[in-house]
Protein backbone atom coordinates (compact mmCIF):
# COMPACT_ATOMS: atom_id res chain seq x y z
CA UNK A 1 25.10 14.01 0.95
CA UNK A 2 25.08 11.50 3.82
CA UNK A 3 22.56 8.72 3.23
CA UNK A 4 21.79 6.34 6.10
CA UNK A 5 19.45 3.41 6.79
CA UNK A 6 18.27 3.22 10.41
CA UNK A 7 16.46 0.12 11.67
CA UNK A 8 14.50 0.02 14.93
CA UNK A 9 13.42 -3.46 16.06
CA UNK A 10 11.01 -4.20 18.92
CA UNK A 11 8.82 -7.20 19.72
CA UNK A 12 5.70 -5.88 17.95
CA UNK A 13 7.22 -4.30 14.82
CA UNK A 14 10.31 -3.37 12.85
CA UNK A 15 10.63 0.19 11.55
CA UNK A 16 13.06 1.19 8.80
CA UNK A 17 13.95 4.82 8.07
CA UNK A 18 16.11 6.13 5.22
CA UNK A 19 17.58 9.60 5.73
CA UNK A 20 19.54 12.04 3.60
CA UNK A 21 21.55 14.57 5.63
CA UNK A 22 19.31 13.76 8.60
CA UNK A 23 16.04 14.35 6.72
CA UNK A 24 13.61 11.43 6.49
CA UNK A 25 13.08 10.45 2.82
CA UNK A 26 11.63 6.93 3.14
CA UNK A 27 9.87 5.03 5.91
CA UNK A 28 8.71 1.41 6.18
CA UNK A 29 6.94 -0.51 8.93
CA UNK A 30 6.97 -4.32 9.18
CA UNK A 31 4.10 -5.76 11.28
CA UNK A 32 3.73 -9.46 12.11
CA UNK A 33 -0.06 -9.22 11.53
CA UNK A 34 0.32 -7.15 8.34
CA UNK A 35 3.16 -8.81 6.49
CA UNK A 36 4.36 -7.73 3.07
CA UNK A 37 2.63 -9.74 0.31
CA UNK A 38 3.89 -8.18 -2.94
CA UNK A 39 6.01 -10.76 -4.76
CA UNK A 40 4.35 -13.81 -3.18
CA UNK A 41 3.51 -16.58 -5.66
CA UNK A 42 0.36 -18.71 -5.33
CA UNK A 43 -1.14 -21.71 -7.01
CA UNK A 44 -4.74 -20.53 -7.26
CA UNK A 45 -7.99 -21.59 -8.89
CA UNK A 46 -9.99 -19.49 -11.35
CA UNK A 47 -13.20 -18.57 -9.49
CA UNK A 48 -14.89 -16.32 -12.08
CA UNK A 49 -14.17 -14.91 -15.54
CA UNK A 50 -15.96 -11.61 -16.20
CA UNK A 51 -15.48 -10.37 -19.80
CA UNK A 52 -17.63 -7.32 -19.03
CA UNK A 53 -14.93 -5.80 -16.81
CA UNK A 54 -12.06 -7.56 -18.61
CA UNK A 55 -10.98 -9.44 -15.49
CA UNK A 56 -10.97 -12.75 -13.70
CA UNK A 57 -11.11 -13.49 -9.98
CA UNK A 58 -8.71 -16.08 -8.58
CA UNK A 59 -9.24 -18.01 -5.35
CA UNK A 60 -5.94 -17.96 -3.42
CA UNK A 61 -7.39 -18.70 0.00
CA UNK A 62 -7.82 -15.10 1.20
CA UNK A 63 -10.96 -13.32 2.40
CA UNK A 64 -11.39 -11.69 -1.03
CA UNK A 65 -10.52 -13.37 -4.33
CA UNK A 66 -7.49 -11.96 -6.16
CA UNK A 67 -8.18 -9.60 -9.08
CA UNK A 68 -6.56 -10.54 -12.39
CA UNK A 69 -7.08 -7.97 -15.16
CA UNK A 70 -6.80 -9.26 -18.71
CA UNK A 71 -3.90 -6.83 -19.29
CA UNK A 72 -1.97 -8.67 -16.53
CA UNK A 73 -2.21 -12.01 -18.34
CA UNK A 74 1.22 -12.51 -19.91
CA UNK A 75 2.07 -14.19 -23.19
CA UNK A 76 3.80 -17.02 -21.31
CA UNK A 77 0.72 -18.02 -19.32
CA UNK A 78 0.38 -21.30 -21.25
CA UNK A 79 3.91 -22.36 -20.20
CA UNK A 80 3.02 -21.72 -16.54
CA UNK A 81 -0.26 -23.62 -16.97
CA UNK A 82 1.62 -26.61 -18.38
CA UNK A 83 3.53 -26.85 -15.09
CA UNK A 84 0.28 -27.34 -13.19
CA UNK A 85 -1.21 -29.88 -15.58
CA UNK A 86 -4.90 -30.42 -16.21
CA UNK A 87 -7.33 -30.00 -13.34
CA UNK A 88 -10.06 -32.59 -12.99
CA UNK A 89 -12.33 -30.05 -11.28
CA UNK A 90 -12.28 -27.57 -14.19
CA UNK A 91 -15.52 -26.69 -15.91
CA UNK A 92 -14.39 -27.20 -19.75
CA UNK A 93 6.00 -3.63 -9.73
CA UNK A 94 9.94 -4.68 -8.30
CA UNK A 95 11.50 -1.47 -7.92
CA UNK A 96 13.50 -1.73 -11.13
CA UNK A 97 10.84 -3.32 -13.32
CA UNK A 98 9.07 -0.03 -14.16
CA UNK A 99 12.46 1.46 -15.17
CA UNK A 100 13.64 -1.27 -17.55
CA UNK A 101 13.90 -0.92 -21.29
CA UNK A 102 10.54 -1.21 -23.04
CA UNK A 103 9.84 -4.73 -24.32
CA UNK A 104 6.98 -5.52 -26.69
CA UNK A 105 5.22 -8.64 -25.46
CA UNK A 106 3.01 -10.89 -27.54
CA UNK A 107 -0.60 -10.94 -26.40
CA UNK A 108 -2.06 -14.00 -24.65
CA UNK A 109 -4.46 -16.22 -26.57
CA UNK A 110 -7.89 -14.52 -26.70
CA UNK A 111 -11.11 -16.15 -27.82
CA UNK A 112 -13.81 -13.65 -28.72
CA UNK A 113 -11.91 -10.93 -26.83
CA UNK A 114 -11.60 -13.05 -23.67
CA UNK A 115 -8.35 -14.79 -22.57
CA UNK A 116 -8.56 -18.56 -22.57
CA UNK A 117 -9.24 -19.02 -18.85
CA UNK A 118 -11.66 -21.63 -17.60
CA UNK A 119 -13.55 -21.49 -14.33
CA UNK A 120 -12.14 -24.07 -11.92
CA UNK A 121 -8.73 -24.49 -13.57
CA UNK A 122 -5.50 -24.09 -11.62
CA UNK A 123 -3.32 -21.07 -12.33
CA UNK A 124 0.03 -19.73 -11.09
CA UNK A 125 -0.13 -16.05 -10.16
CA UNK A 126 2.02 -13.46 -8.36
CA UNK A 127 0.78 -10.59 -6.17
CA UNK A 128 1.57 -7.13 -7.55
CA UNK A 129 -0.62 -5.00 -5.24
CA UNK A 130 -1.65 -5.57 -1.65
CA UNK A 131 -5.30 -5.39 -0.55
CA UNK A 132 -6.74 -1.94 0.12
CA UNK A 133 -9.97 -1.48 2.12
CA UNK A 134 -12.48 -4.04 0.76
CA UNK A 135 -10.51 -4.80 -2.39
CA UNK A 136 -8.50 -8.01 -2.72
CA UNK A 137 -4.93 -8.27 -3.97
CA UNK A 138 -4.11 -7.60 -7.62
CA UNK A 139 -2.15 -10.33 -9.39
CA UNK A 140 -0.38 -11.14 -12.63
CA UNK A 141 0.46 -14.35 -14.48
CA UNK A 142 3.86 -12.92 -15.50
CA UNK A 143 5.94 -14.31 -12.65
CA UNK A 144 9.27 -12.67 -11.77
CA UNK A 145 11.70 -13.45 -8.93
CA UNK A 146 13.85 -10.52 -7.74
CA UNK A 147 17.35 -10.94 -6.37
CA UNK A 148 20.09 -8.55 -5.37
CA UNK A 149 21.44 -7.87 -8.87
CA UNK A 150 18.94 -9.59 -11.18
CA UNK A 151 15.25 -10.30 -11.69
CA UNK A 152 14.59 -13.76 -13.11
CA UNK A 153 11.77 -14.16 -15.66
CA UNK A 154 10.84 -17.84 -16.12
CA UNK A 155 9.79 -18.91 -19.67
CA UNK A 156 10.98 -15.59 -21.08
CA UNK A 157 13.92 -15.00 -23.42
CA UNK A 158 14.37 -11.27 -23.06
CA UNK A 159 17.12 -9.27 -21.37
CA UNK A 160 16.48 -5.84 -19.84
CA UNK A 161 18.83 -3.34 -18.22
CA UNK A 162 17.65 -0.83 -15.61
CA UNK A 163 17.18 2.64 -17.10
CA UNK A 164 18.89 4.09 -14.04
CA UNK A 165 22.19 2.74 -15.42
CA UNK A 166 22.98 5.56 -17.85
CA UNK A 167 26.52 4.71 -18.98
CA UNK A 168 26.36 3.15 -22.47
CA UNK A 169 29.52 1.05 -22.06
CA UNK A 170 28.32 -0.32 -18.72
CA UNK A 171 24.93 -1.20 -20.18
CA UNK A 172 26.63 -3.02 -23.06
CA UNK A 173 28.95 -4.89 -20.66
CA UNK A 174 26.07 -6.01 -18.45
CA UNK A 175 24.02 -7.13 -21.46
CA UNK A 176 26.92 -9.26 -22.70
CA UNK A 177 27.30 -10.85 -19.25
CA UNK A 178 23.55 -11.55 -19.09
CA UNK A 179 23.63 -13.26 -22.50
CA UNK A 180 26.58 -15.42 -21.51
CA UNK A 181 25.16 -16.65 -18.17
CA UNK A 182 21.44 -16.87 -18.96
CA UNK A 183 20.08 -20.45 -19.25
CA UNK A 184 17.68 -21.34 -22.04
CA UNK A 185 13.98 -20.57 -21.50
CA UNK A 186 14.66 -17.78 -18.98
CA UNK A 187 14.64 -13.99 -19.17
CA UNK A 188 16.64 -11.58 -17.04
CA UNK A 189 16.46 -7.98 -15.89
CA UNK A 190 19.68 -6.43 -14.62
CA UNK A 191 18.99 -4.18 -11.63
CA UNK A 192 20.54 -0.81 -10.83
CA UNK A 193 22.76 -2.19 -8.03
CA UNK A 194 24.46 -4.49 -10.58
CA UNK A 195 26.38 -1.51 -11.94
CA UNK A 196 30.15 -2.21 -11.90
CA UNK A 197 29.62 -5.75 -10.54
CA UNK A 198 31.68 -8.57 -12.02
CA UNK A 199 30.32 -11.60 -13.87
CA UNK A 200 30.77 -13.89 -10.85
CA UNK A 201 28.46 -11.76 -8.65
CA UNK A 202 25.70 -11.83 -11.29
CA UNK A 203 26.20 -15.54 -11.93
CA UNK A 204 25.86 -16.38 -8.22
CA UNK A 205 22.71 -14.27 -7.92
CA UNK A 206 21.21 -15.94 -11.00
CA UNK A 207 22.08 -19.39 -9.65
CA UNK A 208 20.28 -18.58 -6.39
CA UNK A 209 17.16 -17.32 -8.22
CA UNK A 210 17.11 -20.32 -10.57
CA UNK A 211 17.15 -22.67 -7.56
CA UNK A 212 14.13 -20.81 -6.09
CA UNK A 213 12.20 -21.23 -9.35
CA UNK A 214 13.08 -24.92 -9.62
CA UNK A 215 11.75 -25.45 -6.08
CA UNK A 216 8.52 -23.67 -7.08
CA UNK A 217 8.21 -25.89 -10.17
CA UNK A 218 8.45 -29.02 -8.04
CA UNK A 219 6.01 -27.70 -5.45
CA UNK A 220 3.17 -26.75 -7.84
CA UNK A 221 3.12 -30.31 -9.20
CA UNK A 222 2.27 -31.78 -5.79
CA UNK A 223 0.18 -29.22 -3.86
CA UNK A 224 -3.55 -28.49 -4.10
CA UNK A 225 -4.82 -24.95 -4.71
CA UNK A 226 -5.16 -22.49 -3.14
CA UNK A 227 -1.56 -22.67 -1.84
CA UNK A 228 1.27 -20.21 -1.23
CA UNK A 229 4.22 -21.69 -3.13
CA UNK A 230 6.74 -18.86 -2.65
CA UNK A 231 6.88 -16.09 -0.06
CA UNK A 232 9.00 -13.07 -0.85
CA UNK A 233 11.31 -11.56 1.78
CA UNK A 234 10.06 -9.29 4.59
CA UNK A 235 9.94 -5.50 4.29
CA UNK A 236 13.23 -5.12 6.19
CA UNK A 237 15.03 -7.68 4.02
CA UNK A 238 13.64 -6.13 0.83
CA UNK A 239 14.94 -2.69 1.89
CA UNK A 240 18.42 -4.13 2.43
CA UNK A 241 18.23 -6.12 -0.83
CA UNK A 242 16.90 -3.28 -2.99
CA UNK A 243 18.06 -0.03 -1.38
CA UNK A 244 21.37 -0.76 0.39
CA UNK A 245 23.71 0.47 -2.34
CA UNK A 246 27.21 1.92 -2.42
CA UNK A 247 25.90 5.47 -1.91
CA UNK A 248 24.57 4.52 1.56
CA UNK A 249 27.06 5.67 4.21
CA UNK A 250 25.85 3.49 7.10
CA UNK A 251 23.20 1.01 8.18
CA UNK A 252 22.42 1.29 11.91
CA UNK A 253 20.55 -1.55 13.66
CA UNK A 254 19.54 -1.59 17.34
CA UNK A 255 18.90 -5.37 17.57
CA UNK A 256 21.81 -7.84 17.91
CA UNK A 257 19.82 -10.64 16.26
CA UNK A 258 18.73 -8.51 13.30
CA UNK A 259 22.20 -6.99 13.01
CA UNK A 260 23.74 -10.46 12.67
CA UNK A 261 21.12 -11.51 10.08
CA UNK A 262 21.66 -8.39 7.96
CA UNK A 263 25.43 -8.52 8.19
CA UNK A 264 25.54 -12.22 7.23
CA UNK A 265 23.24 -11.53 4.26
CA UNK A 266 25.31 -8.57 3.05
CA UNK A 267 28.53 -10.55 3.58
CA UNK A 268 27.11 -13.20 1.26
CA UNK A 269 25.78 -10.98 -1.54
CA UNK A 270 28.15 -7.96 -1.46
CA UNK A 271 31.02 -8.36 1.06
CA UNK A 272 32.48 -4.90 0.39
CA UNK A 273 29.40 -3.31 2.02
CA UNK A 274 29.42 -5.46 5.16
CA UNK A 275 31.55 -3.01 7.19
CA UNK A 276 28.87 -0.35 6.71
CA UNK A 277 26.42 -2.35 8.85
CA UNK A 278 26.76 -1.21 12.46
CA UNK A 279 25.13 -2.27 15.75
CA UNK A 280 23.78 0.84 17.47
CA UNK A 281 24.15 0.70 21.27
CA UNK A 282 22.34 3.28 23.38
CA UNK A 283 19.92 3.46 26.28
CA UNK A 284 17.70 5.82 24.26
CA UNK A 285 15.57 4.86 21.26
CA UNK A 286 17.59 4.79 18.04
CA UNK A 287 14.89 6.90 16.33
CA UNK A 288 15.09 9.48 19.13
CA UNK A 289 18.88 9.60 18.83
CA UNK A 290 18.69 10.32 15.09
CA UNK A 291 15.74 12.75 15.55
CA UNK A 292 13.51 10.61 13.33
CA UNK A 293 10.63 10.17 15.77
CA UNK A 294 9.56 13.81 15.52
CA UNK A 295 9.64 13.61 11.70
CA UNK A 296 7.48 10.46 11.72
CA UNK A 297 4.78 12.23 13.75
CA UNK A 298 4.08 14.54 10.80
CA UNK A 299 3.22 11.47 8.66
CA UNK A 300 0.04 10.81 10.60
CA UNK A 301 -1.34 14.32 10.81
CA UNK A 302 -3.65 16.08 8.35
CA UNK A 303 -1.63 19.28 8.66
CA UNK A 304 1.99 19.47 7.44
CA UNK A 305 3.84 22.74 8.23
CA UNK A 306 6.12 24.43 5.69
CA UNK A 307 9.24 26.45 6.62
CA UNK A 308 7.85 29.57 4.94
CA UNK A 309 4.93 29.63 7.38
CA UNK A 310 2.47 27.98 5.05
CA UNK A 311 1.08 24.48 5.46
CA UNK A 312 -0.48 21.52 3.63
CA UNK A 313 -3.81 19.90 4.49
CA UNK A 314 -3.97 16.23 3.38
CA UNK A 315 -7.42 14.63 3.22
CA UNK A 316 -8.21 11.02 2.26
CA UNK A 317 -11.48 10.23 0.48
CA UNK A 318 -12.90 7.04 -1.04
CA UNK A 319 -11.85 7.96 -4.59
CA UNK A 320 -8.78 10.16 -4.16
CA UNK A 321 -6.44 12.09 -1.88
CA UNK A 322 -6.91 15.87 -1.83
CA UNK A 323 -4.09 18.24 -0.80
CA UNK A 324 -4.72 21.92 -0.10
CA UNK A 325 -1.80 24.38 -0.07
CA UNK A 326 -2.21 27.38 2.26
CA UNK A 327 0.04 30.43 2.63
CA UNK A 328 -0.66 30.65 6.37
CA UNK A 329 -0.11 34.40 6.53
CA UNK A 330 -1.21 37.54 4.71
CA UNK A 331 1.04 38.99 1.98
CA UNK A 332 0.84 42.51 0.56
CA UNK A 333 -0.77 42.76 -2.87
CA UNK A 334 2.41 43.87 -4.61
CA UNK A 335 4.21 40.77 -3.37
CA UNK A 336 1.27 38.36 -3.60
CA UNK A 337 2.34 36.62 -6.82
CA UNK A 338 5.95 36.25 -5.64
CA UNK A 339 4.96 34.96 -2.20
CA UNK A 340 2.40 32.57 -3.68
CA UNK A 341 5.01 31.18 -6.11
CA UNK A 342 7.53 30.75 -3.28
CA UNK A 343 5.00 28.86 -1.14
CA UNK A 344 3.80 26.71 -4.08
CA UNK A 345 7.37 25.72 -4.98
CA UNK A 346 8.14 24.78 -1.38
CA UNK A 347 4.84 22.89 -1.19
CA UNK A 348 5.72 20.98 -4.39
CA UNK A 349 8.90 19.63 -2.81
CA UNK A 350 7.14 18.72 0.41
CA UNK A 351 4.19 17.07 -1.39
CA UNK A 352 6.54 14.79 -3.36
CA UNK A 353 8.27 13.89 -0.09
CA UNK A 354 5.02 13.27 1.80
CA UNK A 355 3.49 11.07 -0.93
CA UNK A 356 6.62 8.93 -0.92
CA UNK A 357 6.87 8.77 2.89
CA UNK A 358 3.17 8.00 3.39
CA UNK A 359 3.17 5.65 0.37
CA UNK A 360 0.03 7.32 -0.99
CA UNK A 361 -1.12 5.98 -4.36
CA UNK A 362 -4.02 6.38 -6.76
CA UNK A 363 -5.46 9.74 -7.79
CA UNK A 364 -4.15 12.84 -5.99
CA UNK A 365 -5.53 16.35 -6.59
CA UNK A 366 -3.55 19.37 -5.33
CA UNK A 367 -5.11 22.81 -4.87
CA UNK A 368 -2.20 25.26 -5.06
CA UNK A 369 -2.34 28.93 -4.12
CA UNK A 370 -3.66 30.84 -7.16
CA UNK A 371 -1.04 32.15 -9.59
CA UNK A 372 -1.80 34.69 -12.31
CA UNK A 373 1.19 34.29 -14.62
CA UNK A 374 1.46 31.22 -16.85
CA UNK A 375 5.24 31.07 -16.50
CA UNK A 376 4.82 30.73 -12.71
CA UNK A 377 2.28 27.93 -13.12
CA UNK A 378 4.78 26.11 -15.34
CA UNK A 379 7.51 26.56 -12.71
CA UNK A 380 5.34 24.75 -10.15
CA UNK A 381 4.54 21.97 -12.62
CA UNK A 382 8.24 21.57 -13.54
CA UNK A 383 9.25 21.52 -9.85
CA UNK A 384 6.79 18.70 -9.15
CA UNK A 385 8.04 16.66 -12.10
CA UNK A 386 11.66 17.16 -11.03
CA UNK A 387 10.92 15.98 -7.47
CA UNK A 388 8.96 12.93 -8.62
CA UNK A 389 11.94 11.71 -10.68
CA UNK A 390 13.41 10.61 -7.34
CA UNK A 391 10.36 8.44 -6.64
CA UNK A 392 10.64 4.70 -7.33
CA UNK A 393 6.88 4.46 -7.97
CA UNK A 394 5.40 5.36 -11.35
CA UNK A 395 4.05 8.92 -11.21
CA UNK A 396 2.11 10.86 -13.85
CA UNK A 397 1.62 14.63 -13.45
CA UNK A 398 -0.78 16.84 -15.47
CA UNK A 399 -0.16 20.61 -15.98
CA UNK A 400 -1.89 23.11 -13.68
CA UNK A 401 -5.48 23.88 -14.68
CA UNK A 402 -7.07 27.33 -14.83
CA UNK A 403 -8.40 26.73 -11.31
CA UNK A 404 -4.92 26.17 -9.87
CA UNK A 405 -5.36 22.38 -9.60
CA UNK A 406 -2.76 19.74 -10.49
CA UNK A 407 -3.80 16.10 -10.90
CA UNK A 408 -1.37 13.29 -10.14
CA UNK A 409 -1.59 9.52 -10.37
CA UNK A 410 0.92 7.52 -8.33
CA UNK A 411 1.45 3.79 -8.48
CA UNK A 412 -0.26 2.06 -5.56
CA UNK A 413 1.39 -1.17 -4.38
CA UNK A 414 0.34 -1.42 -0.76
CA UNK A 415 -1.70 0.35 1.92
CA UNK A 416 -0.48 3.84 2.76
CA UNK A 417 1.21 4.33 6.13
CA UNK A 418 -1.91 5.74 7.82
CA UNK A 419 -4.00 2.72 6.76
CA UNK A 420 -1.24 0.37 7.91
CA UNK A 421 -0.88 1.94 11.37
CA UNK A 422 -4.46 2.95 12.23
CA UNK A 423 -7.77 1.08 12.43
CA UNK A 424 -11.04 2.79 11.53
CA UNK A 425 -12.75 4.37 14.54
CA UNK A 426 -15.67 2.13 15.59
CA UNK A 427 -17.60 5.12 16.92
CA UNK A 428 -17.60 7.38 13.88
CA UNK A 429 -16.85 4.79 11.13
CA UNK A 430 -13.90 6.86 9.99
CA UNK A 431 -15.84 10.06 9.33
CA UNK A 432 -14.43 11.95 12.31
CA UNK A 433 -17.99 13.03 13.17
CA UNK A 434 -20.36 11.75 15.86
CA UNK A 435 -24.13 12.19 15.84
CA UNK A 436 -25.20 14.43 18.74
CA UNK A 437 -26.67 12.47 21.63
CA UNK A 438 -29.93 14.42 21.36
CA UNK A 439 -30.32 13.26 17.75
CA UNK A 440 -29.59 9.63 18.70
CA UNK A 441 -32.41 9.91 21.28
CA UNK A 442 -34.68 11.23 18.52
CA UNK A 443 -33.82 8.22 16.32
CA UNK A 444 -34.51 5.83 19.23
CA UNK A 445 -37.92 7.40 19.79
CA UNK A 446 -38.76 7.22 16.07
CA UNK A 447 -37.88 3.53 16.07
CA UNK A 448 -40.04 2.93 19.15
CA UNK A 449 -42.92 4.69 17.40
CA UNK A 450 -42.59 2.29 14.43
CA UNK A 451 -42.49 -0.72 16.76
CA UNK A 452 -45.74 0.46 18.34
CA UNK A 453 -47.53 1.02 15.01
CA UNK A 454 -46.16 -1.85 12.87
CA UNK A 455 -45.61 -4.77 15.26
CA UNK A 456 -47.52 -6.37 18.10
CA UNK A 457 -44.51 -6.18 20.40
CA UNK A 458 -45.29 -4.56 23.75
CA UNK A 459 -42.03 -5.41 25.45
CA UNK A 460 -38.61 -4.97 23.82
CA UNK A 461 -34.89 -4.82 24.60
CA UNK A 462 -32.87 -1.72 23.66
CA UNK A 463 -29.10 -2.18 23.34
CA UNK A 464 -26.99 0.99 23.10
CA UNK A 465 -23.72 2.65 24.11
CA UNK A 466 -23.38 3.32 27.89
CA UNK A 467 -23.24 7.10 27.29
CA UNK A 468 -26.55 6.99 25.39
CA UNK A 469 -28.04 4.80 28.14
CA UNK A 470 -26.96 7.39 30.68
CA UNK A 471 -28.68 10.11 28.66
CA UNK A 472 -31.89 8.02 28.59
CA UNK A 473 -31.86 7.78 32.41
CA UNK A 474 -31.62 11.55 33.04
CA UNK A 475 -34.38 13.28 35.02
CA UNK A 476 -36.76 12.57 37.90
CA UNK A 477 -39.00 10.92 35.33
CA UNK A 478 -36.37 9.53 32.98
CA UNK A 479 -36.37 10.01 29.21
CA UNK A 480 -36.83 6.29 28.62
CA UNK A 481 -39.78 6.21 31.07
CA UNK A 482 -41.48 9.05 29.17
CA UNK A 483 -41.05 7.11 25.91
CA UNK A 484 -42.54 3.97 27.46
CA UNK A 485 -45.58 5.86 28.76
CA UNK A 486 -46.06 7.69 25.45
CA UNK A 487 -46.03 4.55 23.27
CA UNK A 488 -47.15 1.97 25.87
CA UNK A 489 -44.16 -0.27 25.12
CA UNK A 490 -42.00 -1.67 27.94
CA UNK A 491 -38.27 -1.13 27.19
CA UNK A 492 -35.48 -3.02 28.93
CA UNK A 493 -32.25 -0.99 28.62
CA UNK A 494 -29.02 -2.97 28.06
CA UNK A 495 -25.64 -1.22 27.88
CA UNK A 496 -23.19 -2.43 25.21
CA UNK A 497 -19.73 -0.90 25.51
CA UNK A 498 -18.76 -2.33 22.10
CA UNK A 499 -21.44 -0.20 20.39
CA UNK A 500 -20.47 3.09 18.80
CA UNK A 501 -22.10 6.32 19.92
CA UNK A 502 -24.44 6.26 16.93
CA UNK A 503 -25.37 2.58 17.17
CA UNK A 504 -28.37 0.98 18.87
CA UNK A 505 -30.58 -2.09 18.40
CA UNK A 506 -34.13 -3.03 19.34
CA UNK A 507 -34.65 -6.75 20.00
CA UNK A 508 -37.74 -8.81 20.78
CA UNK A 509 -38.53 -9.55 24.41
CA UNK A 510 -36.63 -12.87 24.36
CA UNK A 511 -33.69 -11.26 22.52
CA UNK A 512 -33.80 -13.74 19.63
CA UNK A 513 -34.75 -11.36 16.81
CA UNK A 514 -33.67 -7.84 15.90
CA UNK A 515 -36.50 -5.43 15.02
CA UNK A 516 -35.70 -3.58 11.79
CA UNK A 517 -37.71 -1.49 9.32
CA UNK A 518 -36.99 -0.36 5.74
């Protein structure tokens, strides 16, 4: 299998694609206005403590306060708090972390079922999930700093080895190295890429991470909250740090500046891989040359074709993502079960790929083509589980129900690719539906009727979309004129191109007050 990392850099964004034998298996986009926040460390201030929902909200200077669930308050929170010192204003999911050996942590100090957090006190937190829709970031007090080979855990004394390192002797060797190089009052997780690395490589990585933490310690003693005290690397850098391993054949970059940065970084952390970084020179787009652009287009569509002739329909809702599997063509009754199984198995592989590519998290419900035999239902379930083992995110899969549904939960760390690339349509508010113009005219007339009966206004301003305004001016005696004569209210029509098709406003004659009714 040929695994490649292809990086396309332009002024407005950087796109990173990971392919296996030419097939897109991972895709990342780095926007200047939508930078990666997972891993950033803040000195924040406790805004609210809500025992009812077992959470606290932390002011870190963003539009929405950060969400800190009580389960994300680590047993070393007091040590982090001691760094900050007392506050006079107080009112008295790294890629390898989910795959490390299980460690039983002591619980933080609780008083009456509530962690000892005080409104107004300073607190050090780290972002674990980026904001989604109207929700703020999710944070933890268990700070960790990832490097190339290690993850440093300040104020911890535990050593973990990535579960992806299966060889017992190698695990034992790495644990011995970790014990010998680890300073007091620190914990360490050995990452997958550390396999077969010598002690010097791990020691240098640990030294670099320890210096970062020492700088953070000094900074939190002098700054005022809310303040960003450590910013993790960009999406592109994190891909190179976390995913550029020995099994990657080549890294192609189409920007000289970025090529030099990546090569210098790799030369520093793992020199033997530096020759695999290559500057791609062509007049065409690098994504066009590797036939990635056409594969990316399928990420943004609702419909995903399958080779068998079937297809998937992917729909996003407020609470979950729903995926419908369709056969796409009629099959004879005697072959129906076999054809359905074939399509469902192919769909299982494609669904696992699409969820990873689109970075879809949360609750996912899949409606497979109906199967009669229990053994076939189990085959589909087993196929899904097998495919999700390749996913770096935590995934939980339930067996197929009697209705042919499979429920999945997938770890959500950031916005999915559609949310990251697209803005909500201002005309339909994301529904994909527009009210018919005739119905908008009906709503305008109803509002005018209320103005006539409830207020003393006899002259108003109507602001609406230009297309609605055009509809109101149709006819020898225009629609708006008929309304004025019917209700004896003068209406001044003002076109607002920023208004959606469904939106309109009635204002008083001087335009100072909007006329609204419950």
